[in-house]
């Protein structure tokens, strides 16, 4: 699969309708600077490599991904996972809707569309402009390790042996 349409065509009809509704909510709230496509076998929204080329694995950094799993559907909100302030807001806003939140670190699991408050999902997406997400990703990138010349050391066996002389 290389397109969103191809991905959605592989999903059962009931789940396709739910995933399409979540996708529509994300696209309606997606700030400028992100692109939609297929990444890691799911629908993803990410910073294009033209704007953030240096990534740890050469793949664009996704802000969100949406997929069909065996026993549920999943929405991965990496921005919510990466920001404690956004996570706190998101969990609180979700609970205020009265819907049960089934969430891992970044993964929100749901079995039907009614399990998700689409307005909260949309607001979570809208709260992170691409420039802010790029700055976050760049700040999280580890600095390259400095190479230092290895100093030869005598191991325990060599240290105790008498040297010829």
Protein backbone atom coordinates (compact mmCIF):
# COMPACT_ATOMS: atom_id res chain seq x y z
CA UNK A 1 0.00 0.00 0.00
CA UNK A 2 1.30 3.38 -0.93
CA UNK A 3 -1.78 5.60 -0.67
CA UNK A 4 -4.41 6.36 1.95
CA UNK A 5 -7.14 5.23 -0.45
CA UNK A 6 -5.40 1.87 -0.89
CA UNK A 7 -5.05 1.50 2.87
CA UNK A 8 -8.72 2.28 3.52
CA UNK A 9 -9.78 -0.18 0.80
CA UNK A 10 -8.17 -3.01 2.82
CA UNK A 11 -10.14 -2.23 5.99
CA UNK A 12 -13.57 -3.79 6.75
CA UNK A 13 -16.46 -1.40 5.97
CA UNK A 14 -17.46 -0.66 9.58
CA UNK A 15 -13.90 0.19 10.55
CA UNK A 16 -13.32 2.07 7.30
CA UNK A 17 -16.17 4.44 8.23
CA UNK A 18 -14.69 5.01 11.72
CA UNK A 19 -11.14 5.52 10.44
CA UNK A 20 -12.40 7.87 7.73
CA UNK A 21 -14.23 10.00 10.32
CA UNK A 22 -11.12 10.23 12.50
CA UNK A 23 -9.05 11.05 9.43
CA UNK A 24 -11.49 13.81 8.46
CA UNK A 25 -11.27 15.31 11.99
CA UNK A 26 -7.47 15.30 11.86
CA UNK A 27 -7.31 16.76 8.35
CA UNK A 28 -9.79 19.50 9.32
CA UNK A 29 -7.53 20.55 12.22
CA UNK A 30 -4.07 19.80 10.84
CA UNK A 31 -1.83 22.87 10.93
CA UNK A 32 0.05 23.87 7.77
CA UNK A 33 3.42 22.21 7.31
CA UNK A 34 2.40 18.59 7.85
CA UNK A 35 1.70 16.01 5.14
CA UNK A 36 -0.57 12.98 5.09
CA UNK A 37 0.60 9.66 3.73
CA UNK A 38 1.33 6.04 4.55
CA UNK A 39 4.05 5.36 7.07
CA UNK A 40 4.72 2.16 9.00
CA UNK A 41 1.71 0.55 7.33
CA UNK A 42 -0.75 3.16 8.64
CA UNK A 43 -2.20 6.53 7.72
CA UNK A 44 0.20 9.10 9.14
CA UNK A 45 0.60 12.85 9.36
CA UNK A 46 4.22 13.94 9.46
CA UNK A 47 6.78 16.65 8.93
CA UNK A 48 8.11 16.23 5.39
CA UNK A 49 11.81 15.48 5.14
CA UNK A 50 12.25 18.71 3.16
CA UNK A 51 11.55 20.55 6.44
CA UNK A 52 13.25 18.12 8.82
CA UNK A 53 15.72 15.93 6.96
CA UNK A 54 17.86 14.65 9.81
CA UNK A 55 15.93 11.96 11.64
CA UNK A 56 17.30 9.01 13.55
CA UNK A 57 15.97 6.50 11.05
CA UNK A 58 15.65 8.55 7.86
CA UNK A 59 11.84 8.49 8.12
CA UNK A 60 9.76 11.66 8.54
CA UNK A 61 8.67 12.39 12.13
CA UNK A 62 4.96 11.69 12.51
CA UNK A 63 2.74 13.80 14.71
CA UNK A 64 -0.09 11.25 14.42
CA UNK A 65 -0.81 7.86 12.90
CA UNK A 66 -4.07 5.99 12.48
CA UNK A 67 -4.38 2.28 11.95
CA UNK A 68 -6.52 -0.82 12.01
CA UNK A 69 -5.23 -3.44 14.45
CA UNK A 70 -6.46 -6.97 15.00
CA UNK A 71 -8.71 -6.28 18.00
CA UNK A 72 -9.15 -2.51 17.83
CA UNK A 73 -8.34 0.62 15.88
CA UNK A 74 -5.55 2.87 17.11
CA UNK A 75 -4.71 6.53 16.96
CA UNK A 76 -1.11 7.33 17.84
CA UNK A 77 -0.65 10.92 19.01
CA UNK A 78 3.10 11.39 19.29
CA UNK A 79 2.69 15.06 20.21
CA UNK A 80 0.62 14.08 23.26
CA UNK A 81 3.25 11.50 24.21
CA UNK A 82 6.12 13.96 23.75
CA UNK A 83 4.70 16.83 25.80
CA UNK A 84 3.72 16.38 29.45
CA UNK A 85 1.67 19.62 29.34
CA UNK A 86 -0.25 18.51 26.24
CA UNK A 87 -0.69 15.03 27.71
CA UNK A 88 -2.16 16.46 30.92
CA UNK A 89 -4.54 18.67 28.94
CA UNK A 90 -5.52 15.80 26.62
CA UNK A 91 -6.27 13.28 29.38
CA UNK A 92 -8.32 15.87 31.29
CA UNK A 93 -10.26 17.01 28.21
CA UNK A 94 -10.93 13.41 27.19
CA UNK A 95 -12.25 12.46 30.63
CA UNK A 96 -14.53 15.53 30.71
CA UNK A 97 -16.38 14.07 27.71
CA UNK A 98 -17.42 11.06 29.80
CA UNK A 99 -15.82 8.67 27.33
CA UNK A 100 -13.45 5.98 28.59
CA UNK A 101 -9.85 6.61 27.62
CA UNK A 102 -7.93 3.45 26.68
CA UNK A 103 -4.44 4.84 26.17
CA UNK A 104 -0.86 3.66 26.25
CA UNK A 105 2.01 6.12 25.92
CA UNK A 106 0.95 7.46 22.52
CA UNK A 107 -1.68 4.93 21.47
CA UNK A 108 -5.39 5.56 21.92
CA UNK A 109 -7.22 2.31 21.35
CA UNK A 110 -10.87 2.33 20.27
CA UNK A 111 -13.34 -0.26 18.99
CA UNK A 112 -15.94 2.09 17.55
CA UNK A 113 -16.10 5.73 16.52
CA UNK A 114 -18.36 6.62 19.47
CA UNK A 115 -15.43 5.79 21.79
CA UNK A 116 -13.54 8.89 20.60
CA UNK A 117 -14.32 12.56 21.27
CA UNK A 118 -13.40 13.87 17.82
CA UNK A 119 -13.44 17.48 19.03
CA UNK A 120 -10.72 16.67 21.60
CA UNK A 121 -8.70 14.78 18.98
CA UNK A 122 -8.99 17.73 16.61
CA UNK A 123 -7.95 20.20 19.31
CA UNK A 124 -4.92 18.05 20.22
CA UNK A 125 -3.83 18.15 16.58
CA UNK A 126 -4.53 21.88 16.22
CA UNK A 127 -2.45 22.72 19.32
CA UNK A 128 0.85 21.72 17.71
CA UNK A 129 1.96 23.82 14.75
CA UNK A 130 4.60 22.29 12.50
CA UNK A 131 7.24 24.82 13.58
CA UNK A 132 6.73 23.86 17.24
CA UNK A 133 6.87 20.15 16.44
CA UNK A 134 10.03 20.58 14.36
CA UNK A 135 11.68 22.49 17.23
CA UNK A 136 10.66 19.73 19.64
CA UNK A 137 12.07 17.00 17.36
CA UNK A 138 15.31 18.90 16.84
CA UNK A 139 15.74 19.50 20.58
CA UNK A 140 15.17 15.81 21.30
CA UNK A 141 17.84 14.74 18.82
CA UNK A 142 20.92 13.51 20.66
CA UNK A 143 24.15 15.33 19.96
CA UNK A 144 26.64 13.25 18.00
CA UNK A 145 29.08 11.49 20.28
CA UNK A 146 32.54 13.00 20.27
CA UNK A 147 35.21 10.57 19.32
CA UNK A 148 38.17 10.38 21.60
CA UNK A 149 41.32 8.44 21.02
CA UNK A 150 41.26 5.24 23.00
CA UNK A 151 44.06 5.01 25.49
CA UNK A 152 45.68 1.62 25.81
CA UNK A 153 45.25 0.25 29.27
CA UNK A 154 46.85 -2.68 30.93
CA UNK A 155 44.34 -5.31 31.88
CA UNK A 156 44.51 -6.99 35.29
CA UNK A 157 46.69 -9.83 34.00
CA UNK A 158 49.24 -7.56 32.33
CA UNK A 159 49.47 -5.26 35.30
CA UNK A 160 50.66 -8.04 37.59
CA UNK A 161 53.18 -9.65 35.21
CA UNK A 162 56.79 -8.69 35.30
CA UNK A 163 57.98 -7.01 32.21
CA UNK A 164 61.15 -8.19 30.58
CA UNK A 165 63.92 -5.83 31.09
